Amino acid sequence: MRLLLVEDDPMIGEAVADALRGEGHGVDWAQDGPSGARALAAGAPYALLLLDLGLPGRDGLQLLADLRARGDRLPVLVMTARDTVGDRIAGLDAGADDYLVKPFDLDELLARVRALLRRASGRAEPLLAHGRLRLDPAKHTAWLGEQPLALSAREFALLQALLEKPDAVLSRAQLEERLYGWNEPVGSNTVEVHIHNLRRKLGERAIRNVRGVGYTLGDLETPD
């Protein structure tokens, strides 16, 4: 998934961005309110906004209120040092989907991110499955039948993107947008390399190429 992080504290921002990238997400990191507003206005396909409130240049609550005022339903996780009950009520009433008070544990943050993404996709169950393939985003583990799979973070994220929309065809550009954030180098054949590696681990028929369109899940019912 591609996520937007708006956080002015460099230590917190770097730790959160690294943790999210470790889960296979592409992360864009804005370090003040106006930069966050510009990123949101640019129309990138973000799956989630992680938002600090005490931002330079523009308060996070105002950014959140503007987002909701224009009808944007992007899930928002507020992360802030504002810890009174009144602060939490104000954040949730402004349109936040969840509210996490600093300092927080990164494992809890990642769990809340997974829950919000799961809810946004309309899923209640934590596991993703298609045929003989199962993915557990919380534990970052995968199985083909009863056999555990060794996947890189990018391979796992790409496979998760396909599993979340098993009947859709995702273009290379859509997959790149899901996997990579600002300033992350993307080679011209990066997605194809990941697809090749996944086919080697799952079987040649596991991911189907729709010529001129993109990729979709193939036959995962029977072994090659």
Protein backbone atom coordinates (compact mmCIF):
# COMPACT_ATOMS: atom_id res chain seq x y z
CA MET A 1 0.00 0.00 0.00
CA ARG A 2 1.08 3.59 -0.53
CA LEU A 3 0.74 5.66 2.63
CA LEU A 4 1.15 9.35 3.44
CA LEU A 5 2.94 10.24 6.68
CA VAL A 6 2.68 13.86 7.87
CA GLU A 7 5.01 14.28 10.83
CA ASP A 8 7.43 17.11 11.67
CA ASP A 9 9.59 15.30 14.24
CA PRO A 10 12.49 13.78 12.24
CA MET A 11 13.21 11.02 14.75
CA ILE A 12 9.60 9.86 14.98
CA GLY A 13 9.03 10.29 11.25
CA GLU A 14 12.07 8.25 10.30
CA ALA A 15 11.19 5.46 12.74
CA VAL A 16 7.58 5.27 11.54
CA ALA A 17 8.51 5.44 7.85
CA ASP A 18 11.12 2.69 8.27
CA ALA A 19 8.63 0.47 10.14
CA LEU A 20 6.00 0.93 7.45
CA ARG A 21 8.48 0.26 4.65
CA GLY A 22 9.52 -2.87 6.52
CA GLU A 23 5.93 -4.05 6.07
CA GLY A 24 6.26 -3.51 2.31
CA HIS A 25 4.41 -0.19 2.09
CA GLY A 26 5.43 2.74 -0.06
CA VAL A 27 5.67 5.81 2.18
CA ASP A 28 5.58 9.50 1.28
CA TRP A 29 6.71 11.66 4.21
CA ALA A 30 5.67 15.31 4.49
CA GLN A 31 7.22 17.26 7.36
CA ASP A 32 4.84 20.22 7.71
CA GLY A 33 1.17 21.03 7.26
CA PRO A 34 1.36 22.79 3.86
CA SER A 35 3.45 19.96 2.38
CA GLY A 36 0.91 17.45 3.64
CA ALA A 37 -1.94 19.44 2.12
CA ARG A 38 -0.13 19.59 -1.24
CA ALA A 39 0.50 15.85 -1.18
CA LEU A 40 -3.17 15.16 -0.54
CA ALA A 41 -4.26 17.58 -3.26
CA ALA A 42 -1.94 15.93 -5.80
CA GLY A 43 -4.27 12.94 -6.01
CA ALA A 44 -1.81 10.12 -5.31
CA PRO A 45 -3.60 6.82 -4.57
CA TYR A 46 -2.98 6.79 -0.84
CA ALA A 47 -4.55 3.99 1.19
CA LEU A 48 -4.02 5.71 4.56
CA LEU A 49 -2.95 9.04 6.10
CA LEU A 50 -0.87 9.01 9.29
CA LEU A 51 -1.23 12.52 10.68
CA ASP A 52 0.46 14.47 13.45
CA LEU A 53 -1.56 17.40 14.78
CA GLY A 54 1.08 19.87 15.98
CA LEU A 55 2.50 20.68 12.54
CA PRO A 56 4.40 23.77 11.39
CA GLY A 57 2.56 25.99 8.96
CA ARG A 58 -0.84 24.36 9.28
CA ASP A 59 -2.43 22.51 12.17
CA GLY A 60 -3.19 18.86 11.58
CA LEU A 61 -6.79 19.24 12.74
CA GLN A 62 -7.37 21.88 10.07
CA LEU A 63 -5.79 19.66 7.43
CA LEU A 64 -8.09 16.83 8.54
CA ALA A 65 -11.15 19.07 8.55
CA ASP A 66 -10.36 20.30 5.02
CA LEU A 67 -9.91 16.72 3.83
CA ARG A 68 -13.33 15.70 5.13
CA ALA A 69 -14.99 18.92 3.95
CA ARG A 70 -14.22 18.02 0.34
CA GLY A 71 -15.68 14.55 0.83
CA ASP A 72 -12.43 12.60 0.90
CA ARG A 73 -12.95 9.32 2.78
CA LEU A 74 -9.25 8.44 3.06
CA PRO A 75 -8.69 6.56 6.36
CA VAL A 76 -6.80 8.73 8.85
CA LEU A 77 -4.75 7.64 11.85
CA VAL A 78 -3.88 10.58 14.11
CA MET A 79 -0.59 10.27 16.02
CA THR A 80 -0.08 13.09 18.49
CA ALA A 81 1.13 14.15 21.90
CA ARG A 82 -2.25 15.82 22.57
CA ASP A 83 -3.52 13.32 25.09
CA THR A 84 -6.51 14.81 26.91
CA VAL A 85 -9.97 13.35 26.47
CA GLY A 86 -11.03 16.63 24.84
CA ASP A 87 -8.17 16.37 22.32
CA ARG A 88 -9.14 12.82 21.41
CA ILE A 89 -12.79 13.79 21.01
CA ALA A 90 -11.83 16.75 18.81
CA GLY A 91 -9.67 14.55 16.59
CA LEU A 92 -12.29 11.85 16.18
CA ASP A 93 -15.08 14.39 15.61
CA ALA A 94 -12.95 16.10 12.95
CA GLY A 95 -12.94 12.85 10.99
CA ALA A 96 -10.07 10.70 12.28
CA ASP A 97 -10.63 6.95 12.10
CA ASP A 98 -8.22 6.19 14.93
CA TYR A 99 -6.19 8.17 17.47
CA LEU A 100 -2.81 7.15 18.89
CA VAL A 101 -1.07 9.13 21.63
CA LYS A 102 2.70 9.64 21.63
CA PRO A 103 4.88 8.00 22.73
CA PHE A 104 3.59 4.81 21.19
CA ASP A 105 4.91 1.33 20.45
CA LEU A 106 5.68 0.77 16.77
CA ASP A 107 4.13 -2.70 16.88
CA GLU A 108 0.86 -1.17 18.09
CA LEU A 109 1.03 1.45 15.33
CA LEU A 110 1.51 -1.25 12.69
CA ALA A 111 -1.39 -3.26 14.12
CA ARG A 112 -3.65 -0.20 13.95
CA VAL A 113 -2.52 0.45 10.36
CA ARG A 114 -3.37 -3.13 9.40
CA ALA A 115 -6.79 -2.85 11.06
CA LEU A 116 -7.62 0.40 9.24
CA LEU A 117 -6.49 -0.97 5.88
CA ARG A 118 -8.48 -4.15 6.45
CA ARG A 119 -11.58 -2.14 7.34
CA ALA A 120 -11.15 0.13 4.32
CA SER A 121 -11.00 -2.90 2.01
CA GLY A 122 -14.20 -4.29 3.49
CA ARG A 123 -12.53 -7.30 5.10
CA ALA A 124 -13.12 -8.48 8.65
CA GLU A 125 -10.86 -11.52 8.60
CA PRO A 126 -7.10 -11.01 9.06
CA LEU A 127 -6.01 -13.63 6.49
CA LEU A 128 -6.04 -13.28 2.71
CA ALA A 129 -6.58 -16.47 0.72
CA HIS A 130 -6.91 -17.56 -2.89
CA GLY A 131 -6.80 -21.19 -3.86
CA ARG A 132 -3.91 -22.85 -2.02
CA LEU A 133 -2.30 -19.51 -1.16
CA ARG A 134 -2.73 -17.82 2.24
CA LEU A 135 -1.23 -14.55 3.49
CA ASP A 136 -1.20 -13.23 7.03
CA PRO A 137 -0.42 -9.47 6.85
CA ALA A 138 -0.14 -9.19 10.64
CA LYS A 139 2.60 -11.81 10.92
CA HIS A 140 3.98 -11.17 7.43
CA THR A 141 3.85 -14.87 6.66
CA ALA A 142 2.59 -16.79 3.65
CA TRP A 143 1.86 -20.42 2.78
CA LEU A 144 1.22 -22.33 -0.40
CA GLY A 145 -0.78 -25.30 0.78
CA GLU A 146 1.05 -26.34 3.94
CA GLN A 147 4.39 -25.06 2.70
CA PRO A 148 5.63 -21.75 4.19
CA LEU A 149 6.92 -19.24 1.63
CA ALA A 150 10.02 -17.06 1.94
CA LEU A 151 9.04 -13.70 0.42
CA SER A 152 10.82 -10.36 0.39
CA ALA A 153 8.90 -7.35 1.72
CA ARG A 154 8.21 -6.13 -1.85
CA GLU A 155 7.13 -9.58 -3.04
CA PHE A 156 4.78 -9.89 -0.08
CA ALA A 157 3.31 -6.42 -0.73
CA LEU A 158 2.80 -7.10 -4.43
CA LEU A 159 1.12 -10.41 -3.73
CA GLN A 160 -1.06 -8.76 -1.09
CA ALA A 161 -2.15 -6.13 -3.64
CA LEU A 162 -3.24 -8.86 -6.05
CA LEU A 163 -4.99 -10.87 -3.32
CA GLU A 164 -6.98 -7.87 -2.11
CA LYS A 165 -8.50 -7.55 -5.61
CA PRO A 166 -8.39 -11.11 -6.94
CA ASP A 167 -10.68 -10.41 -9.89
CA ALA A 168 -8.99 -7.17 -10.95
CA VAL A 169 -6.14 -6.59 -13.39
CA LEU A 170 -3.54 -4.23 -11.92
CA SER A 171 -1.23 -2.34 -14.24
CA ARG A 172 2.50 -2.00 -13.67
CA ALA A 173 1.97 1.68 -12.80
CA GLN A 174 -0.68 0.79 -10.22
CA LEU A 175 1.61 -1.76 -8.60
CA GLU A 176 4.52 0.70 -8.57
CA GLU A 177 2.30 3.30 -6.88
CA ARG A 178 1.36 0.75 -4.24
CA LEU A 179 4.92 -0.32 -3.51
CA TYR A 180 7.05 2.82 -3.75
CA GLY A 181 7.00 6.30 -2.23
CA TRP A 182 8.72 9.57 -3.07
CA ASN A 183 12.40 9.39 -3.98
CA GLU A 184 12.46 5.59 -3.94
CA PRO A 185 14.20 4.38 -7.10
CA VAL A 186 12.03 2.24 -9.35
CA GLY A 187 13.73 0.41 -12.20
CA SER A 188 12.00 0.06 -15.55
CA ASN A 189 11.53 -3.69 -15.00
CA THR A 190 11.26 -3.78 -11.20
CA VAL A 191 7.68 -5.09 -11.13
CA GLU A 192 8.49 -7.70 -13.77
CA VAL A 193 11.40 -8.94 -11.64
CA HIS A 194 9.14 -9.30 -8.60
CA ILE A 195 6.53 -11.12 -10.72
CA HIS A 196 9.21 -13.47 -12.07
CA ASN A 197 10.40 -14.27 -8.53
CA LEU A 198 6.85 -14.87 -7.31
CA ARG A 199 6.12 -17.23 -10.20
CA ARG A 200 9.28 -19.16 -9.37
CA LYS A 201 8.01 -19.62 -5.79
CA LEU A 202 4.29 -20.08 -6.51
CA GLY A 203 4.25 -21.69 -9.96
CA GLU A 204 4.28 -20.26 -13.47
CA ARG A 205 0.47 -20.11 -13.63
CA ALA A 206 0.07 -18.28 -10.30
CA ILE A 207 0.16 -14.76 -11.77
CA ARG A 208 -1.32 -14.13 -15.19
CA ASN A 209 -0.17 -11.38 -17.56
CA VAL A 210 -3.03 -9.69 -19.43
CA ARG A 211 -1.21 -8.31 -22.45
CA GLY A 212 -1.23 -4.53 -22.62
CA VAL A 213 -3.14 -4.21 -19.33
CA GLY A 214 -1.31 -5.70 -16.36
CA TYR A 215 -1.35 -8.61 -13.94
CA THR A 216 -3.96 -10.66 -12.12
CA LEU A 217 -4.05 -13.84 -10.06
CA GLY A 218 -4.00 -17.05 -12.02
CA ASP A 219 -4.27 -20.72 -11.11
CA LEU A 220 -3.46 -21.31 -7.45
CA GLU A 221 -5.73 -24.31 -7.05
CA THR A 222 -3.43 -27.03 -8.33
CA PRO A 223 0.35 -27.48 -8.23
CA ASP A 224 2.31 -26.91 -11.42
